[in-house]
């Protein structure tokens, strides 16, 4: 499942969302996947439990978080949601706070998680200008167009 296709098919893009805590921000992304029948509601708690155990493991670059749990923690099918925040939030990450872009990932197996999910997100942000381009997006179509342009250039 490609990032772009998942976002389009699942209607799982939310831009300029308002959240007061990192937990609220993560819930916005997970809820989009619950509505799309990609994950069960318990996936949210699994992500919180992971942070409690390992720290903010999914804050992968300055400003960027990729919340995710394990396949057995409520994943029904592979999918992604993308959330941008109106106001960046602290996730308690030493190097990469504050965060205002969240790409929540659900993968049915570890191989999909690593090879498909992470690589597509790395590809999108290989060009650092795409962080600001994404922050400037105001419609889901603008996000999809940005991903299309990035994929065409790759």
C-alpha atoms as a PDB file:
ATOM      1  CA  UNK A   1       0.000   0.000   0.000  1.00  0.00           C
ATOM      2  CA  UNK A   2       1.496   3.268  -1.114  1.00  0.00           C
ATOM      3  CA  UNK A   3       1.415   6.282   1.192  1.00  0.00           C
ATOM      4  CA  UNK A   4      -0.410   8.418  -1.362  1.00  0.00           C
ATOM      5  CA  UNK A   5      -3.008   5.763  -2.215  1.00  0.00           C
ATOM      6  CA  UNK A   6      -3.712   5.066   1.440  1.00  0.00           C
ATOM      7  CA  UNK A   7      -4.191   8.748   2.283  1.00  0.00           C
ATOM      8  CA  UNK A   8      -6.535   9.231  -0.689  1.00  0.00           C
ATOM      9  CA  UNK A   9      -8.574   6.029  -0.311  1.00  0.00           C
ATOM     10  CA  UNK A  10      -8.953   6.324   3.457  1.00  0.00           C
ATOM     11  CA  UNK A  11      -9.612  10.073   3.470  1.00  0.00           C
ATOM     12  CA  UNK A  12      -6.976  10.195   6.204  1.00  0.00           C
ATOM     13  CA  UNK A  13      -5.439  13.663   5.896  1.00  0.00           C
ATOM     14  CA  UNK A  14      -6.126  16.330   8.524  1.00  0.00           C
ATOM     15  CA  UNK A  15      -4.442  19.707   8.153  1.00  0.00           C
ATOM     16  CA  UNK A  16      -3.904  22.481  10.688  1.00  0.00           C
ATOM     17  CA  UNK A  17      -5.369  20.345  13.464  1.00  0.00           C
ATOM     18  CA  UNK A  18      -5.532  21.722  16.972  1.00  0.00           C
ATOM     19  CA  UNK A  19      -4.175  19.662  19.854  1.00  0.00           C
ATOM     20  CA  UNK A  20      -2.960  20.650  23.312  1.00  0.00           C
ATOM     21  CA  UNK A  21      -0.813  17.585  24.026  1.00  0.00           C
ATOM     22  CA  UNK A  22       1.187  15.103  21.992  1.00  0.00           C
ATOM     23  CA  UNK A  23      -1.301  12.433  23.092  1.00  0.00           C
ATOM     24  CA  UNK A  24      -4.179  14.401  21.529  1.00  0.00           C
ATOM     25  CA  UNK A  25      -2.162  14.828  18.336  1.00  0.00           C
ATOM     26  CA  UNK A  26      -1.482  11.085  18.117  1.00  0.00           C
ATOM     27  CA  UNK A  27      -5.171  10.352  18.737  1.00  0.00           C
ATOM     28  CA  UNK A  28      -6.210  12.532  15.784  1.00  0.00           C
ATOM     29  CA  UNK A  29      -4.055  10.412  13.470  1.00  0.00           C
ATOM     30  CA  UNK A  30      -5.190   7.099  14.952  1.00  0.00           C
ATOM     31  CA  UNK A  31      -8.860   8.133  14.859  1.00  0.00           C
ATOM     32  CA  UNK A  32      -8.588   8.770  11.106  1.00  0.00           C
ATOM     33  CA  UNK A  33      -7.379   5.170  10.729  1.00  0.00           C
ATOM     34  CA  UNK A  34     -10.133   3.826  13.006  1.00  0.00           C
ATOM     35  CA  UNK A  35     -12.805   5.554  10.898  1.00  0.00           C
ATOM     36  CA  UNK A  36     -11.195   4.097   7.743  1.00  0.00           C
ATOM     37  CA  UNK A  37     -11.296   0.605   9.328  1.00  0.00           C
ATOM     38  CA  UNK A  38      -7.498   0.309   9.128  1.00  0.00           C
ATOM     39  CA  UNK A  39      -6.965  -0.187  12.878  1.00  0.00           C
ATOM     40  CA  UNK A  40      -8.976  -1.041  15.967  1.00  0.00           C
ATOM     41  CA  UNK A  41      -9.386   1.688  18.617  1.00  0.00           C
ATOM     42  CA  UNK A  42      -6.932  -0.153  20.912  1.00  0.00           C
ATOM     43  CA  UNK A  43      -4.097   0.800  18.535  1.00  0.00           C
ATOM     44  CA  UNK A  44      -4.002   4.230  20.217  1.00  0.00           C
ATOM     45  CA  UNK A  45      -3.317   2.768  23.661  1.00  0.00           C
ATOM     46  CA  UNK A  46      -0.658   0.491  22.170  1.00  0.00           C
ATOM     47  CA  UNK A  47       1.194   3.563  20.871  1.00  0.00           C
ATOM     48  CA  UNK A  48       0.943   5.273  24.272  1.00  0.00           C
ATOM     49  CA  UNK A  49       2.219   2.110  25.969  1.00  0.00           C
ATOM     50  CA  UNK A  50       5.163   2.061  23.554  1.00  0.00           C
ATOM     51  CA  UNK A  51       6.092   5.633  24.482  1.00  0.00           C
ATOM     52  CA  UNK A  52       5.852   4.777  28.173  1.00  0.00           C
ATOM     53  CA  UNK A  53       8.197   1.843  27.633  1.00  0.00           C
ATOM     54  CA  UNK A  54      10.657   3.239  25.064  1.00  0.00           C
ATOM     55  CA  UNK A  55      10.240   7.023  25.119  1.00  0.00           C
ATOM     56  CA  UNK A  56       9.192   9.035  22.037  1.00  0.00           C
ATOM     57  CA  UNK A  57      10.605   6.400  19.671  1.00  0.00           C
ATOM     58  CA  UNK A  58       8.563   7.578  16.694  1.00  0.00           C
ATOM     59  CA  UNK A  59       9.856  11.173  16.556  1.00  0.00           C
ATOM     60  CA  UNK A  60      12.184  10.515  13.636  1.00  0.00           C
ATOM     61  CA  UNK A  61      13.289  13.958  12.416  1.00  0.00           C
ATOM     62  CA  UNK A  62      12.991  17.582  13.521  1.00  0.00           C
ATOM     63  CA  UNK A  63       9.275  18.365  13.469  1.00  0.00           C
ATOM     64  CA  UNK A  64       8.246  14.888  12.258  1.00  0.00           C
ATOM     65  CA  UNK A  65       6.638  12.037  14.172  1.00  0.00           C
ATOM     66  CA  UNK A  66       5.618   8.660  12.789  1.00  0.00           C
ATOM     67  CA  UNK A  67       3.379   7.113  15.457  1.00  0.00           C
ATOM     68  CA  UNK A  68       2.959   3.369  15.035  1.00  0.00           C
ATOM     69  CA  UNK A  69       2.434   0.203  16.990  1.00  0.00           C
ATOM     70  CA  UNK A  70       2.981  -3.452  16.213  1.00  0.00           C
ATOM     71  CA  UNK A  71       0.821  -5.431  13.770  1.00  0.00           C
ATOM     72  CA  UNK A  72      -0.752  -7.509  16.538  1.00  0.00           C
ATOM     73  CA  UNK A  73      -1.864  -4.386  18.428  1.00  0.00           C
ATOM     74  CA  UNK A  74      -5.035  -3.836  16.413  1.00  0.00           C
ATOM     75  CA  UNK A  75      -3.925  -3.462  12.788  1.00  0.00           C
ATOM     76  CA  UNK A  76      -6.561  -4.679  10.306  1.00  0.00           C
ATOM     77  CA  UNK A  77      -4.756  -3.600   7.129  1.00  0.00           C
ATOM     78  CA  UNK A  78      -1.796  -1.475   6.131  1.00  0.00           C
ATOM     79  CA  UNK A  79      -2.513   2.240   6.010  1.00  0.00           C
ATOM     80  CA  UNK A  80      -1.362   5.747   6.820  1.00  0.00           C
ATOM     81  CA  UNK A  81      -2.819   8.992   8.102  1.00  0.00           C
ATOM     82  CA  UNK A  82      -1.214  12.408   7.857  1.00  0.00           C
ATOM     83  CA  UNK A  83      -1.830  15.222  10.331  1.00  0.00           C
ATOM     84  CA  UNK A  84      -0.318  18.691  10.434  1.00  0.00           C
ATOM     85  CA  UNK A  85      -0.703  20.744  13.590  1.00  0.00           C
ATOM     86  CA  UNK A  86      -1.544  24.421  13.759  1.00  0.00           C
ATOM     87  CA  UNK A  87       0.753  24.714  16.787  1.00  0.00           C
ATOM     88  CA  UNK A  88       3.872  22.497  17.168  1.00  0.00           C
ATOM     89  CA  UNK A  89       3.952  20.349  20.311  1.00  0.00           C
ATOM     90  CA  UNK A  90       6.634  18.942  22.585  1.00  0.00           C
ATOM     91  CA  UNK A  91       6.923  15.150  22.426  1.00  0.00           C
ATOM     92  CA  UNK A  92       9.812  15.102  24.937  1.00  0.00           C
ATOM     93  CA  UNK A  93      12.323  14.147  22.256  1.00  0.00           C
ATOM     94  CA  UNK A  94      15.821  15.408  22.961  1.00  0.00           C
ATOM     95  CA  UNK A  95      16.672  16.434  19.396  1.00  0.00           C
ATOM     96  CA  UNK A  96      13.546  16.652  17.260  1.00  0.00           C
ATOM     97  CA  UNK A  97      10.987  18.685  19.241  1.00  0.00           C
ATOM     98  CA  UNK A  98       8.700  20.446  18.618  1.00  0.00           C
ATOM     99  CA  UNK A  99       6.606  18.303  16.261  1.00  0.00           C
ATOM    100  CA  UNK A 100       3.936  19.563  13.863  1.00  0.00           C
ATOM    101  CA  UNK A 101       3.783  16.778  11.245  1.00  0.00           C
ATOM    102  CA  UNK A 102       2.520  13.307  12.160  1.00  0.00           C
ATOM    103  CA  UNK A 103       2.311  10.391   9.764  1.00  0.00           C
ATOM    104  CA  UNK A 104       0.610   7.562  11.609  1.00  0.00           C
ATOM    105  CA  UNK A 105       1.422   4.165  10.167  1.00  0.00           C
ATOM    106  CA  UNK A 106      -0.288   0.820  10.574  1.00  0.00           C
ATOM    107  CA  UNK A 107       1.401  -2.181   8.977  1.00  0.00           C
ATOM    108  CA  UNK A 108       0.152  -5.765   8.852  1.00  0.00           C
ATOM    109  CA  UNK A 109       3.680  -7.176   9.211  1.00  0.00           C
ATOM    110  CA  UNK A 110       7.194  -6.054  10.090  1.00  0.00           C
ATOM    111  CA  UNK A 111       8.435  -6.277   6.495  1.00  0.00           C
ATOM    112  CA  UNK A 112       5.733  -3.919   5.235  1.00  0.00           C
ATOM    113  CA  UNK A 113       6.437  -1.624   8.177  1.00  0.00           C
ATOM    114  CA  UNK A 114      10.125  -1.264   7.403  1.00  0.00           C
ATOM    115  CA  UNK A 115      10.414  -1.589   3.665  1.00  0.00           C
ATOM    116  CA  UNK A 116       7.241   0.054   2.484  1.00  0.00           C
ATOM    117  CA  UNK A 117       6.169   2.452   5.202  1.00  0.00           C
ATOM    118  CA  UNK A 118       9.406   3.928   6.399  1.00  0.00           C
ATOM    119  CA  UNK A 119      11.001   4.097   2.946  1.00  0.00           C
ATOM    120  CA  UNK A 120       8.068   6.032   1.472  1.00  0.00           C
ATOM    121  CA  UNK A 121       8.200   8.549   4.286  1.00  0.00           C
ATOM    122  CA  UNK A 122      11.990   8.879   3.992  1.00  0.00           C
ATOM    123  CA  UNK A 123      11.530   9.449   0.247  1.00  0.00           C
ATOM    124  CA  UNK A 124       8.997  12.223   0.879  1.00  0.00           C
ATOM    125  CA  UNK A 125      11.282  14.080   3.297  1.00  0.00           C
ATOM    126  CA  UNK A 126      14.614  13.428   1.584  1.00  0.00           C
ATOM    127  CA  UNK A 127      14.096  16.889   0.112  1.00  0.00           C
ATOM    128  CA  UNK A 128      14.019  18.979   3.286  1.00  0.00           C
ATOM    129  CA  UNK A 129      12.002  21.672   1.507  1.00  0.00           C
ATOM    130  CA  UNK A 130       9.078  19.237   1.577  1.00  0.00           C
ATOM    131  CA  UNK A 131       8.683  19.851   5.318  1.00  0.00           C
ATOM    132  CA  UNK A 132       7.732  23.473   4.638  1.00  0.00           C
ATOM    133  CA  UNK A 133       5.773  22.548   1.507  1.00  0.00           C
ATOM    134  CA  UNK A 134       3.692  20.146   3.570  1.00  0.00           C
ATOM    135  CA  UNK A 135       3.187  22.721   6.319  1.00  0.00           C
ATOM    136  CA  UNK A 136       1.873  25.118   3.656  1.00  0.00           C
ATOM    137  CA  UNK A 137      -0.726  22.644   2.350  1.00  0.00           C
ATOM    138  CA  UNK A 138      -4.310  23.607   3.152  1.00  0.00           C
ATOM    139  CA  UNK A 139      -6.202  20.872   1.279  1.00  0.00           C
ATOM    140  CA  UNK A 140      -5.854  17.123   1.015  1.00  0.00           C
ATOM    141  CA  UNK A 141      -5.387  17.497  -2.742  1.00  0.00           C
ATOM    142  CA  UNK A 142      -2.373  19.764  -2.199  1.00  0.00           C
ATOM    143  CA  UNK A 143      -0.816  17.037  -0.020  1.00  0.00           C
ATOM    144  CA  UNK A 144      -1.479  14.356  -2.647  1.00  0.00           C
ATOM    145  CA  UNK A 145      -0.024  16.607  -5.372  1.00  0.00           C
ATOM    146  CA  UNK A 146       3.122  17.147  -3.270  1.00  0.00           C
ATOM    147  CA  UNK A 147       3.552  13.378  -2.852  1.00  0.00           C
ATOM    148  CA  UNK A 148       2.983  12.894  -6.600  1.00  0.00           C
ATOM    149  CA  UNK A 149       5.663  15.475  -7.444  1.00  0.00           C
ATOM    150  CA  UNK A 150       8.093  13.862  -5.002  1.00  0.00           C
ATOM    151  CA  UNK A 151       7.481  10.392  -6.441  1.00  0.00           C
ATOM    152  CA  UNK A 152       7.877  11.667 -10.002  1.00  0.00           C
ATOM    153  CA  UNK A 153      11.237  13.215  -9.117  1.00  0.00           C
ATOM    154  CA  UNK A 154      12.513  10.068  -7.382  1.00  0.00           C
END
